[in-house]
C-alpha atoms as a PDB file:
ATOM      1  CA  MET A   1     107.454 131.393 166.710  1.00  0.00           C
ATOM      2  CA  ALA A   2     105.072 131.904 163.938  1.00  0.00           C
ATOM      3  CA  GLU A   3     103.012 134.405 165.726  1.00  0.00           C
ATOM      4  CA  TRP A   4     105.567 136.242 167.216  1.00  0.00           C
ATOM      5  CA  LEU A   5     107.447 136.558 163.659  1.00  0.00           C
ATOM      6  CA  THR A   6     104.162 138.159 162.407  1.00  0.00           C
ATOM      7  CA  SER A   7     103.108 140.080 164.858  1.00  0.00           C
ATOM      8  CA  LEU A   8     106.273 142.309 164.468  1.00  0.00           C
ATOM      9  CA  PRO A   9     107.222 145.219 161.879  1.00  0.00           C
ATOM     10  CA  GLY A  10     109.092 143.705 158.985  1.00  0.00           C
ATOM     11  CA  ASN A  11     111.776 146.242 159.392  1.00  0.00           C
ATOM     12  CA  VAL A  12     112.281 144.832 163.070  1.00  0.00           C
ATOM     13  CA  ALA A  13     111.297 141.072 162.406  1.00  0.00           C
ATOM     14  CA  VAL A  14     114.364 140.435 159.870  1.00  0.00           C
ATOM     15  CA  PRO A  15     116.939 141.800 161.410  1.00  0.00           C
ATOM     16  CA  VAL A  16     115.955 140.649 165.090  1.00  0.00           C
ATOM     17  CA  ALA A  17     115.412 136.975 163.875  1.00  0.00           C
ATOM     18  CA  ALA A  18     118.779 137.636 162.065  1.00  0.00           C
ATOM     19  CA  LEU A  19     120.377 138.396 165.109  1.00  0.00           C
ATOM     20  CA  VAL A  20     118.657 135.314 166.961  1.00  0.00           C
ATOM     21  CA  MET A  21     120.141 133.330 164.023  1.00  0.00           C
ATOM     22  CA  GLY A  22     123.524 134.424 164.588  1.00  0.00           C
ATOM     23  CA  LEU A  23     123.919 133.743 167.871  1.00  0.00           C
ATOM     24  CA  VAL A  24     122.120 130.596 168.345  1.00  0.00           C
ATOM     25  CA  ALA A  25     124.380 129.198 165.288  1.00  0.00           C
ATOM     26  CA  LEU A  26     127.695 130.661 166.575  1.00  0.00           C
ATOM     27  CA  MET A  27     127.034 129.372 170.102  1.00  0.00           C
ATOM     28  CA  PRO A  28     128.935 126.035 169.956  1.00  0.00           C
ATOM     29  CA  VAL A  29     132.216 128.279 168.695  1.00  0.00           C
ATOM     30  CA  ARG A  30     131.638 131.386 171.050  1.00  0.00           C
ATOM     31  CA  SER A  31     134.538 131.374 173.235  1.00  0.00           C
ATOM     32  CA  ARG A  32     136.809 130.027 170.388  1.00  0.00           C
ATOM     33  CA  LEU A  33     135.413 133.962 168.514  1.00  0.00           C
ATOM     34  CA  GLY A  34     135.758 135.960 172.180  1.00  0.00           C
ATOM     35  CA  ALA A  35     133.129 137.582 173.489  1.00  0.00           C
ATOM     36  CA  TRP A  36     133.424 140.656 170.940  1.00  0.00           C
ATOM     37  CA  GLY A  37     134.102 138.511 167.985  1.00  0.00           C
ATOM     38  CA  TYR A  38     130.803 136.385 168.774  1.00  0.00           C
ATOM     39  CA  ALA A  39     128.618 139.537 169.493  1.00  0.00           C
ATOM     40  CA  LEU A  40     129.774 141.183 166.557  1.00  0.00           C
ATOM     41  CA  CYS A  41     129.455 138.419 163.635  1.00  0.00           C
ATOM     42  CA  SER A  42     126.701 137.206 164.594  1.00  0.00           C
ATOM     43  CA  PHE A  43     124.186 139.792 163.250  1.00  0.00           C
ATOM     44  CA  PRO A  44     125.646 139.435 159.735  1.00  0.00           C
ATOM     45  CA  VAL A  45     126.364 135.902 160.285  1.00  0.00           C
ATOM     46  CA  GLY A  46     122.348 135.548 160.436  1.00  0.00           C
ATOM     47  CA  LEU A  47     121.575 137.882 157.396  1.00  0.00           C
ATOM     48  CA  VAL A  48     123.006 135.172 155.114  1.00  0.00           C
ATOM     49  CA  GLY A  49     120.175 132.797 156.130  1.00  0.00           C
ATOM     50  CA  TRP A  50     117.691 134.882 155.190  1.00  0.00           C
ATOM     51  CA  GLY A  51     118.921 134.363 151.735  1.00  0.00           C
ATOM     52  CA  PHE A  52     118.412 130.942 151.512  1.00  0.00           C
ATOM     53  CA  VAL A  53     114.400 131.337 151.855  1.00  0.00           C
ATOM     54  CA  PRO A  54     113.731 132.591 147.903  1.00  0.00           C
ATOM     55  CA  ILE A  55     116.561 129.665 146.499  1.00  0.00           C
ATOM     56  CA  VAL A  56     114.440 126.943 148.651  1.00  0.00           C
ATOM     57  CA  THR A  57     111.075 128.612 147.327  1.00  0.00           C
ATOM     58  CA  THR A  58     112.258 129.025 143.519  1.00  0.00           C
ATOM     59  CA  ALA A  59     113.555 125.411 143.896  1.00  0.00           C
ATOM     60  CA  SER A  60     110.352 123.740 145.501  1.00  0.00           C
ATOM     61  CA  ASP A  61     108.023 125.910 143.116  1.00  0.00           C
ATOM     62  CA  SER A  62     106.165 126.849 146.134  1.00  0.00           C
ATOM     63  CA  VAL A  63     104.767 130.678 146.855  1.00  0.00           C
ATOM     64  CA  THR A  64     106.631 132.657 150.442  1.00  0.00           C
ATOM     65  CA  ARG A  65     104.994 131.187 153.270  1.00  0.00           C
ATOM     66  CA  LEU A  66     105.854 131.266 157.396  1.00  0.00           C
ATOM     67  CA  ARG A  67     105.815 126.896 156.755  1.00  0.00           C
ATOM     68  CA  VAL A  68     108.546 127.635 153.964  1.00  0.00           C
ATOM     69  CA  ILE A  69     110.198 130.200 155.549  1.00  0.00           C
ATOM     70  CA  LEU A  70     111.314 129.260 159.271  1.00  0.00           C
ATOM     71  CA  PRO A  71     111.922 125.520 158.361  1.00  0.00           C
ATOM     72  CA  VAL A  72     114.531 127.069 156.051  1.00  0.00           C
ATOM     73  CA  LEU A  73     115.828 129.220 159.027  1.00  0.00           C
ATOM     74  CA  VAL A  74     116.333 126.909 161.287  1.00  0.00           C
ATOM     75  CA  LEU A  75     117.642 124.031 158.592  1.00  0.00           C
ATOM     76  CA  TYR A  76     120.324 126.739 158.296  1.00  0.00           C
ATOM     77  CA  VAL A  77     120.832 127.528 161.886  1.00  0.00           C
ATOM     78  CA  THR A  78     121.231 123.438 162.614  1.00  0.00           C
ATOM     79  CA  ALA A  79     124.071 123.167 159.746  1.00  0.00           C
ATOM     80  CA  LEU A  80     126.337 126.037 161.265  1.00  0.00           C
ATOM     81  CA  MET A  81     126.074 124.553 164.520  1.00  0.00           C
ATOM     82  CA  LEU A  82     126.762 121.226 163.592  1.00  0.00           C
ATOM     83  CA  ALA A  83     129.638 122.807 161.755  1.00  0.00           C
ATOM     84  CA  GLY A  84     130.479 124.684 164.774  1.00  0.00           C
ATOM     85  CA  LEU A  85     130.631 121.628 166.336  1.00  0.00           C
ATOM     86  CA  TRP A  86     132.776 119.712 164.462  1.00  0.00           C
ATOM     87  CA  ALA A  87     135.281 122.783 164.523  1.00  0.00           C
ATOM     88  CA  ALA A  88     135.370 122.642 168.078  1.00  0.00           C
ATOM     89  CA  ARG A  89     135.392 119.194 168.264  1.00  0.00           C
ATOM     90  CA  ARG A  90     138.986 119.496 165.405  1.00  0.00           C
ATOM     91  CA  ILE A  91     140.493 121.820 168.081  1.00  0.00           C
ATOM     92  CA  SER A  92     139.907 119.184 170.939  1.00  0.00           C
ATOM     93  CA  ALA A  93     141.457 116.555 169.203  1.00  0.00           C
ATOM     94  CA  ASP A  94     145.017 118.638 168.113  1.00  0.00           C
ATOM     95  CA  GLU A  95     145.543 120.251 171.465  1.00  0.00           C
ATOM     96  CA  PRO A  96     143.447 118.471 174.283  1.00  0.00           C
ATOM     97  CA  GLY A  97     145.004 119.896 176.814  1.00  0.00           C
ATOM     98  CA  ALA A  98     144.539 123.597 175.208  1.00  0.00           C
ATOM     99  CA  SER A  99     141.060 125.711 176.496  1.00  0.00           C
ATOM    100  CA  ALA A 100     140.055 128.876 176.010  1.00  0.00           C
ATOM    101  CA  PRO A 101     138.290 131.640 178.068  1.00  0.00           C
ATOM    102  CA  ARG A 102     134.598 130.381 178.440  1.00  0.00           C
ATOM    103  CA  VAL A 103     132.210 133.039 176.746  1.00  0.00           C
ATOM    104  CA  ARG A 104     129.242 133.017 179.184  1.00  0.00           C
ATOM    105  CA  TRP A 105     125.548 132.677 177.724  1.00  0.00           C
ATOM    106  CA  TRP A 106     124.463 135.755 178.875  1.00  0.00           C
ATOM    107  CA  VAL A 107     126.795 137.388 176.104  1.00  0.00           C
ATOM    108  CA  ALA A 108     124.200 136.422 173.729  1.00  0.00           C
ATOM    109  CA  LEU A 109     121.638 138.217 175.903  1.00  0.00           C
ATOM    110  CA  LEU A 110     123.173 141.158 176.238  1.00  0.00           C
ATOM    111  CA  THR A 111     124.357 141.254 172.694  1.00  0.00           C
ATOM    112  CA  LEU A 112     120.437 140.439 171.640  1.00  0.00           C
ATOM    113  CA  GLY A 113     119.513 143.162 174.115  1.00  0.00           C
ATOM    114  CA  VAL A 114     121.521 145.802 172.554  1.00  0.00           C
ATOM    115  CA  GLY A 115     120.195 144.758 169.405  1.00  0.00           C
ATOM    116  CA  VAL A 116     116.867 145.187 169.829  1.00  0.00           C
ATOM    117  CA  ILE A 117     117.155 148.307 171.210  1.00  0.00           C
ATOM    118  CA  ALA A 118     119.187 149.777 168.350  1.00  0.00           C
ATOM    119  CA  ILE A 119     116.639 147.978 165.811  1.00  0.00           C
ATOM    120  CA  ARG A 120     113.556 150.186 167.266  1.00  0.00           C
ATOM    121  CA  VAL A 121     115.172 153.538 167.680  1.00  0.00           C
ATOM    122  CA  LEU A 122     116.416 153.231 164.006  1.00  0.00           C
ATOM    123  CA  TYR A 123     112.538 151.711 162.934  1.00  0.00           C
ATOM    124  CA  GLU A 124     111.125 154.661 165.391  1.00  0.00           C
ATOM    125  CA  GLY A 125     113.308 156.926 163.851  1.00  0.00           C
ATOM    126  CA  GLY A 126     112.777 155.990 160.238  1.00  0.00           C
ATOM    127  CA  TRP A 127     116.183 157.242 159.126  1.00  0.00           C
ATOM    128  CA  SER A 128     116.577 156.722 155.275  1.00  0.00           C
ATOM    129  CA  THR A 129     117.961 158.101 151.877  1.00  0.00           C
ATOM    130  CA  TYR A 130     117.426 156.546 148.642  1.00  0.00           C
ATOM    131  CA  SER A 131     117.616 156.380 145.223  1.00  0.00           C
ATOM    132  CA  GLY A 132     115.452 154.945 141.668  1.00  0.00           C
ATOM    133  CA  ASP A 133     117.450 151.729 141.835  1.00  0.00           C
ATOM    134  CA  SER A 134     116.404 151.923 145.946  1.00  0.00           C
ATOM    135  CA  TRP A 135     112.289 151.758 145.284  1.00  0.00           C
ATOM    136  CA  SER A 136     112.472 150.545 141.479  1.00  0.00           C
ATOM    137  CA  ASN A 137     114.538 147.623 142.059  1.00  0.00           C
ATOM    138  CA  TYR A 138     115.319 146.423 145.642  1.00  0.00           C
ATOM    139  CA  GLN A 139     111.871 147.002 147.095  1.00  0.00           C
ATOM    140  CA  MET A 140     110.246 145.871 143.743  1.00  0.00           C
ATOM    141  CA  PHE A 141     112.162 143.080 143.512  1.00  0.00           C
ATOM    142  CA  GLY A 142     111.376 141.984 147.174  1.00  0.00           C
ATOM    143  CA  GLN A 143     107.743 142.981 146.518  1.00  0.00           C
ATOM    144  CA  ILE A 144     107.857 140.125 143.628  1.00  0.00           C
ATOM    145  CA  LEU A 145     109.642 137.314 146.165  1.00  0.00           C
ATOM    146  CA  ALA A 146     107.392 138.265 148.591  1.00  0.00           C
ATOM    147  CA  ASP A 147     104.300 137.159 146.511  1.00  0.00           C
ATOM    148  CA  THR A 148     105.617 134.907 144.389  1.00  0.00           C
ATOM    149  CA  GLY A 149     108.856 133.244 146.416  1.00  0.00           C
ATOM    150  CA  ARG A 150     110.518 132.924 142.733  1.00  0.00           C
ATOM    151  CA  LEU A 151     114.150 133.854 141.691  1.00  0.00           C
ATOM    152  CA  ASN A 152     114.056 135.314 138.145  1.00  0.00           C
ATOM    153  CA  VAL A 153     116.850 136.619 135.853  1.00  0.00           C
ATOM    154  CA  GLY A 154     116.052 140.183 136.557  1.00  0.00           C
ATOM    155  CA  ILE A 155     116.517 140.048 140.099  1.00  0.00           C
ATOM    156  CA  ILE A 156     119.876 137.861 139.607  1.00  0.00           C
ATOM    157  CA  THR A 157     121.046 140.048 137.251  1.00  0.00           C
ATOM    158  CA  ASN A 158     119.982 142.871 138.100  1.00  0.00           C
ATOM    159  CA  ARG A 159     120.780 143.187 142.082  1.00  0.00           C
ATOM    160  CA  GLY A 160     122.529 140.001 143.265  1.00  0.00           C
ATOM    161  CA  LEU A 161     120.296 137.670 146.012  1.00  0.00           C
ATOM    162  CA  ILE A 162     120.723 138.823 149.401  1.00  0.00           C
ATOM    163  CA  LEU A 163     118.911 142.283 149.204  1.00  0.00           C
ATOM    164  CA  PRO A 164     116.233 141.565 147.570  1.00  0.00           C
ATOM    165  CA  ALA A 165     115.678 138.258 150.207  1.00  0.00           C
ATOM    166  CA  LEU A 166     115.663 140.843 152.711  1.00  0.00           C
ATOM    167  CA  HIS A 167     112.991 142.781 150.927  1.00  0.00           C
ATOM    168  CA  GLY A 168     111.062 140.452 150.676  1.00  0.00           C
ATOM    169  CA  ALA A 169     111.331 138.785 153.837  1.00  0.00           C
ATOM    170  CA  SER A 170     110.017 142.315 155.181  1.00  0.00           C
ATOM    171  CA  THR A 171     107.116 142.894 152.923  1.00  0.00           C
ATOM    172  CA  PHE A 172     106.178 139.505 153.570  1.00  0.00           C
ATOM    173  CA  ILE A 173     106.365 139.796 157.260  1.00  0.00           C
ATOM    174  CA  GLY A 174     104.456 142.638 157.193  1.00  0.00           C
ATOM    175  CA  GLY A 175     106.035 146.467 156.526  1.00  0.00           C
ATOM    176  CA  GLY A 176     106.222 149.313 153.327  1.00  0.00           C
ATOM    177  CA  TRP A 177     109.451 150.198 152.536  1.00  0.00           C
ATOM    178  CA  THR A 178     112.458 148.278 154.243  1.00  0.00           C
ATOM    179  CA  PHE A 179     115.092 150.550 155.684  1.00  0.00           C
ATOM    180  CA  THR A 180     116.362 149.560 159.206  1.00  0.00           C
ATOM    181  CA  ILE A 181     118.917 146.899 158.184  1.00  0.00           C
ATOM    182  CA  TYR A 182     120.918 149.761 156.450  1.00  0.00           C
ATOM    183  CA  PRO A 183     122.079 151.731 159.040  1.00  0.00           C
ATOM    184  CA  LEU A 184     122.037 148.832 161.533  1.00  0.00           C
ATOM    185  CA  MET A 185     124.691 147.154 159.530  1.00  0.00           C
ATOM    186  CA  SER A 186     126.534 150.491 159.110  1.00  0.00           C
ATOM    187  CA  LEU A 187     126.944 150.135 163.215  1.00  0.00           C
ATOM    188  CA  ASN A 188     127.629 147.031 162.947  1.00  0.00           C
ATOM    189  CA  LEU A 189     130.642 147.844 160.042  1.00  0.00           C
ATOM    190  CA  LEU A 190     132.127 150.310 162.810  1.00  0.00           C
ATOM    191  CA  ALA A 191     131.582 148.062 165.571  1.00  0.00           C
ATOM    192  CA  LEU A 192     133.805 145.195 164.139  1.00  0.00           C
ATOM    193  CA  LEU A 193     136.303 147.718 162.466  1.00  0.00           C
ATOM    194  CA  ALA A 194     136.503 149.078 165.671  1.00  0.00           C
ATOM    195  CA  TYR A 195     137.622 145.898 167.208  1.00  0.00           C
ATOM    196  CA  ALA A 196     139.619 144.913 164.189  1.00  0.00           C
ATOM    197  CA  ILE A 197     142.096 148.291 164.320  1.00  0.00           C
ATOM    198  CA  ALA A 198     142.243 147.567 168.128  1.00  0.00           C
ATOM    199  CA  GLY A 199     143.252 144.215 167.455  1.00  0.00           C
ATOM    200  CA  THR A 200     145.935 144.756 165.115  1.00  0.00           C
ATOM    201  CA  ALA A 201     147.238 148.277 164.329  1.00  0.00           C
ATOM    202  CA  PHE A 202     147.468 149.241 168.014  1.00  0.00           C
ATOM    203  CA  ASP A 203     147.451 145.713 169.460  1.00  0.00           C
ATOM    204  CA  GLU A 204     150.909 146.027 171.118  1.00  0.00           C
ATOM    205  CA  GLN A 205     149.926 149.687 172.624  1.00  0.00           C
ATOM    206  CA  LYS A 206     148.702 150.593 175.788  1.00  0.00           C
ATOM    207  CA  LEU A 207     144.788 150.014 176.380  1.00  0.00           C
ATOM    208  CA  ARG A 208     144.474 154.149 176.404  1.00  0.00           C
ATOM    209  CA  TYR A 209     146.479 154.439 173.259  1.00  0.00           C
ATOM    210  CA  ARG A 210     144.586 151.675 171.828  1.00  0.00           C
ATOM    211  CA  ALA A 211     141.312 153.243 172.493  1.00  0.00           C
ATOM    212  CA  LEU A 212     142.807 156.779 171.457  1.00  0.00           C
ATOM    213  CA  GLY A 213     143.560 155.340 168.312  1.00  0.00           C
ATOM    214  CA  THR A 214     141.445 154.011 167.402  1.00  0.00           C
ATOM    215  CA  CYS A 215     138.556 156.446 167.993  1.00  0.00           C
ATOM    216  CA  VAL A 216     140.458 158.561 165.870  1.00  0.00           C
ATOM    217  CA  MET A 217     140.217 156.348 163.064  1.00  0.00           C
ATOM    218  CA  LEU A 218     136.213 155.708 163.462  1.00  0.00           C
ATOM    219  CA  VAL A 219     135.688 159.497 163.788  1.00  0.00           C
ATOM    220  CA  ALA A 220     137.927 159.927 160.328  1.00  0.00           C
ATOM    221  CA  LEU A 221     135.263 157.452 158.556  1.00  0.00           C
ATOM    222  CA  VAL A 222     132.116 158.569 160.095  1.00  0.00           C
ATOM    223  CA  SER A 223     132.896 162.387 159.541  1.00  0.00           C
ATOM    224  CA  THR A 224     132.986 162.209 155.855  1.00  0.00           C
ATOM    225  CA  ALA A 225     129.420 162.435 154.553  1.00  0.00           C
ATOM    226  CA  ALA A 226     129.945 159.463 151.890  1.00  0.00           C
ATOM    227  CA  PHE A 227     130.107 157.394 154.884  1.00  0.00           C
ATOM    228  CA  ILE A 228     126.856 159.049 156.327  1.00  0.00           C
ATOM    229  CA  PHE A 229     124.732 159.259 153.306  1.00  0.00           C
ATOM    230  CA  HIS A 230     125.247 155.030 152.389  1.00  0.00           C
ATOM    231  CA  SER A 231     124.799 154.413 156.052  1.00  0.00           C
ATOM    232  CA  PHE A 232     120.756 155.110 155.771  1.00  0.00           C
ATOM    233  CA  TYR A 233     120.961 154.467 151.764  1.00  0.00           C
ATOM    234  CA  VAL A 234     118.898 151.286 150.752  1.00  0.00           C
ATOM    235  CA  HIS A 235     121.329 149.778 147.905  1.00  0.00           C
ATOM    236  CA  SER A 236     124.330 147.241 147.900  1.00  0.00           C
ATOM    237  CA  HIS A 237     126.866 149.364 149.237  1.00  0.00           C
ATOM    238  CA  MET A 238     127.126 148.821 153.148  1.00  0.00           C
ATOM    239  CA  VAL A 239     126.044 144.895 152.959  1.00  0.00           C
ATOM    240  CA  SER A 240     129.107 144.630 150.536  1.00  0.00           C
ATOM    241  CA  ALA A 241     131.380 146.777 152.998  1.00  0.00           C
ATOM    242  CA  LEU A 242     130.545 144.595 155.934  1.00  0.00           C
ATOM    243  CA  GLY A 243     130.427 141.308 154.134  1.00  0.00           C
ATOM    244  CA  MET A 244     134.312 142.234 153.009  1.00  0.00           C
ATOM    245  CA  LEU A 245     135.128 143.432 156.658  1.00  0.00           C
ATOM    246  CA  LEU A 246     133.652 140.452 157.933  1.00  0.00           C
ATOM    247  CA  ALA A 247     135.767 137.799 155.821  1.00  0.00           C
ATOM    248  CA  LEU A 248     138.927 139.994 156.249  1.00  0.00           C
ATOM    249  CA  VAL A 249     138.980 140.009 159.904  1.00  0.00           C
ATOM    250  CA  GLY A 250     137.681 136.500 160.155  1.00  0.00           C
ATOM    251  CA  ILE A 251     140.766 135.559 157.778  1.00  0.00           C
ATOM    252  CA  GLN A 252     143.432 137.970 159.802  1.00  0.00           C
ATOM    253  CA  ARG A 253     142.297 136.718 162.967  1.00  0.00           C
ATOM    254  CA  ALA A 254     142.526 132.887 162.013  1.00  0.00           C
ATOM    255  CA  LEU A 255     145.621 133.075 160.082  1.00  0.00           C
ATOM    256  CA  SER A 256     147.806 135.362 162.062  1.00  0.00           C
ATOM    257  CA  MET A 257     148.368 133.521 165.182  1.00  0.00           C
ATOM    258  CA  SER A 258     150.922 130.814 166.242  1.00  0.00           C
ATOM    259  CA  ALA A 259     150.671 127.456 164.496  1.00  0.00           C
ATOM    260  CA  HIS A 260     149.833 125.871 167.920  1.00  0.00           C
ATOM    261  CA  ASP A 261     148.011 128.442 169.593  1.00  0.00           C
ATOM    262  CA  ARG A 262     144.515 127.280 170.863  1.00  0.00           C
ATOM    263  CA  SER A 263     144.198 128.856 174.467  1.00  0.00           C
ATOM    264  CA  THR A 264     144.334 132.505 173.499  1.00  0.00           C
ATOM    265  CA  GLU A 265     140.710 134.247 173.144  1.00  0.00           C
ATOM    266  CA  GLU A 266     140.235 134.040 169.439  1.00  0.00           C
ATOM    267  CA  GLY A 267     142.292 129.869 169.742  1.00  0.00           C
ATOM    268  CA  GLY A 268     141.338 127.829 167.013  1.00  0.00           C
ATOM    269  CA  ARG A 269     141.326 128.496 163.102  1.00  0.00           C
ATOM    270  CA  GLU A 270     138.147 126.828 161.845  1.00  0.00           C
ATOM    271  CA  PRO A 271     135.832 128.796 163.560  1.00  0.00           C
ATOM    272  CA  TRP A 272     136.928 132.168 162.752  1.00  0.00           C
ATOM    273  CA  LEU A 273     137.352 130.596 159.085  1.00  0.00           C
ATOM    274  CA  ILE A 274     133.847 129.496 158.953  1.00  0.00           C
ATOM    275  CA  VAL A 275     133.017 133.003 159.485  1.00  0.00           C
ATOM    276  CA  ALA A 276     135.057 134.129 157.017  1.00  0.00           C
ATOM    277  CA  GLY A 277     133.647 132.205 154.377  1.00  0.00           C
ATOM    278  CA  LEU A 278     130.047 133.667 155.599  1.00  0.00           C
ATOM    279  CA  GLY A 279     131.434 136.942 155.038  1.00  0.00           C
ATOM    280  CA  ALA A 280     132.531 136.104 151.777  1.00  0.00           C
ATOM    281  CA  LEU A 281     129.170 134.386 150.625  1.00  0.00           C
ATOM    282  CA  LEU A 282     127.372 137.467 151.992  1.00  0.00           C
ATOM    283  CA  PHE A 283     129.854 140.017 149.785  1.00  0.00           C
ATOM    284  CA  SER A 284     129.185 137.446 146.694  1.00  0.00           C
ATOM    285  CA  TRP A 285     125.255 137.942 146.761  1.00  0.00           C
ATOM    286  CA  ALA A 286     125.209 141.614 147.773  1.00  0.00           C
ATOM    287  CA  ARG A 287     125.561 142.839 143.741  1.00  0.00           C
ATOM    288  CA  PRO A 288     125.550 140.113 140.845  1.00  0.00           C
ATOM    289  CA  ASP A 289     128.874 140.802 139.964  1.00  0.00           C
ATOM    290  CA  GLY A 290     129.719 140.471 143.549  1.00  0.00           C
ATOM    291  CA  ILE A 291     131.292 136.872 142.726  1.00  0.00           C
ATOM    292  CA  ALA A 292     133.944 138.607 141.375  1.00  0.00           C
ATOM    293  CA  TYR A 293     134.833 140.561 143.619  1.00  0.00           C
ATOM    294  CA  MET A 294     135.121 137.934 145.802  1.00  0.00           C
ATOM    295  CA  PHE A 295     138.424 136.678 144.234  1.00  0.00           C
ATOM    296  CA  VAL A 296     140.218 138.871 145.797  1.00  0.00           C
ATOM    297  CA  LEU A 297     139.420 137.766 149.269  1.00  0.00           C
ATOM    298  CA  PHE A 298     140.290 134.633 147.837  1.00  0.00           C
ATOM    299  CA  LEU A 299     143.992 135.918 147.065  1.00  0.00           C
ATOM    300  CA  VAL A 300     143.738 137.621 150.446  1.00  0.00           C
ATOM    301  CA  PHE A 301     143.236 134.035 151.933  1.00  0.00           C
ATOM    302  CA  ALA A 302     145.531 132.101 150.032  1.00  0.00           C
ATOM    303  CA  PHE A 303     148.304 134.532 150.387  1.00  0.00           C
ATOM    304  CA  SER A 304     147.839 133.947 154.446  1.00  0.00           C
ATOM    305  CA  ALA A 305     147.792 130.581 153.989  1.00  0.00           C
ATOM    306  CA  LEU A 306     151.104 130.066 152.008  1.00  0.00           C
ATOM    307  CA  ARG A 307     152.540 132.193 154.553  1.00  0.00           C
ATOM    308  CA  ARG A 308     151.303 129.997 157.071  1.00  0.00           C
ATOM    309  CA  ALA A 309     152.067 126.706 155.149  1.00  0.00           C
ATOM    310  CA  ASP A 310     155.771 127.543 155.572  1.00  0.00           C
ATOM    311  CA  GLU A 311     155.443 127.635 158.605  1.00  0.00           C
ATOM    312  CA  GLY A 312     153.738 124.231 158.705  1.00  0.00           C
ATOM    313  CA  GLY A 313     150.511 125.247 160.360  1.00  0.00           C
ATOM    314  CA  VAL A 314     147.786 124.832 157.347  1.00  0.00           C
ATOM    315  CA  ARG A 315     145.551 121.771 157.604  1.00  0.00           C
ATOM    316  CA  TRP A 316     142.786 120.383 155.602  1.00  0.00           C
ATOM    317  CA  GLY A 317     140.474 121.664 157.901  1.00  0.00           C
ATOM    318  CA  VAL A 318     141.104 125.008 157.414  1.00  0.00           C
ATOM    319  CA  ILE A 319     140.646 125.296 153.616  1.00  0.00           C
ATOM    320  CA  VAL A 320     136.915 123.073 154.537  1.00  0.00           C
ATOM    321  CA  ALA A 321     136.183 125.978 156.838  1.00  0.00           C
ATOM    322  CA  PHE A 322     136.689 128.931 154.338  1.00  0.00           C
ATOM    323  CA  PHE A 323     135.590 127.286 151.224  1.00  0.00           C
ATOM    324  CA  GLY A 324     132.706 125.411 152.716  1.00  0.00           C
ATOM    325  CA  PRO A 325     130.244 128.288 153.334  1.00  0.00           C
ATOM    326  CA  ILE A 326     131.206 129.887 150.039  1.00  0.00           C
ATOM    327  CA  LEU A 327     130.677 126.372 147.878  1.00  0.00           C
ATOM    328  CA  MET A 328     127.669 125.090 149.199  1.00  0.00           C
ATOM    329  CA  GLY A 329     126.242 128.496 149.456  1.00  0.00           C
ATOM    330  CA  ASN A 330     126.821 129.775 145.778  1.00  0.00           C
ATOM    331  CA  ALA A 331     126.091 125.660 144.590  1.00  0.00           C
ATOM    332  CA  ALA A 332     122.315 126.022 145.795  1.00  0.00           C
ATOM    333  CA  PHE A 333     121.875 129.963 144.700  1.00  0.00           C
ATOM    334  CA  PHE A 334     123.672 128.891 141.355  1.00  0.00           C
ATOM    335  CA  GLY A 335     121.772 125.618 140.965  1.00  0.00           C
ATOM    336  CA  VAL A 336     118.104 127.299 141.029  1.00  0.00           C
ATOM    337  CA  MET A 337     119.186 129.568 138.175  1.00  0.00           C
END
């Protein structure tokens, strides 16, 4: 694996590794997320794993090297798989006769294939927009992490964790300007937004009307100059949007279903809330003030949970599934400061 990782440009290796991590980590709950949910959540879930690399190198006072990076990423994936197995066991214990439509293993291969093609096209295209913040902060801080492996006050207070970590990983593996992750996050956001709109605003409509309404809303977004610019802009806006949307979709999918519904494609709350918690963690790591913005997601979760509590549908596992990734991730992050 080490030879494969270092043989690729950093702009290709980092997003491909993130996609692989997400697909493997969510494998135990893929049927609970559904084929589309599993495919669309994998990349941002994998991105979070790269954030733990500088946390570990800083805590262990070691420089960035493959023998540190690979165990951290494997441990992250293993922890999520164990969390997924816990969530699946809770669902089985609560509703022994319930089952969700099985998502076949080839969905992961198809998602990986589409992702690799998109990454390669974006890399060969070389499309990127930038400002002084892009090269003097994100790229420079990434270079510092690639060289030293140490988080410092300047990195944390100016640009947060996740983007310097991604730039650092890309620079370390091999590459100059880090750019492919930004349009890739934009594409993931559009697909996830389409999935959310089709399943909420037009959920009760016929398929052709659902598809038409979803396309109209996506075209309205994509046709704006601001969205196009930020899709390629090396800054925190797109990763913040992706993390927030992932959290909101996870909360909506988990807490809008019936208290006893475990047989639908998205059946089972805990898997979706683990994804939502990871989205909130990504959002909080995207900017130095992300931890404050994250409380908006807490309010959304609280109001949704209270509504379900009136129907007797909230269990302690719901709280653990959502807040567990947030608390453990930020405890590790702030613990090294």
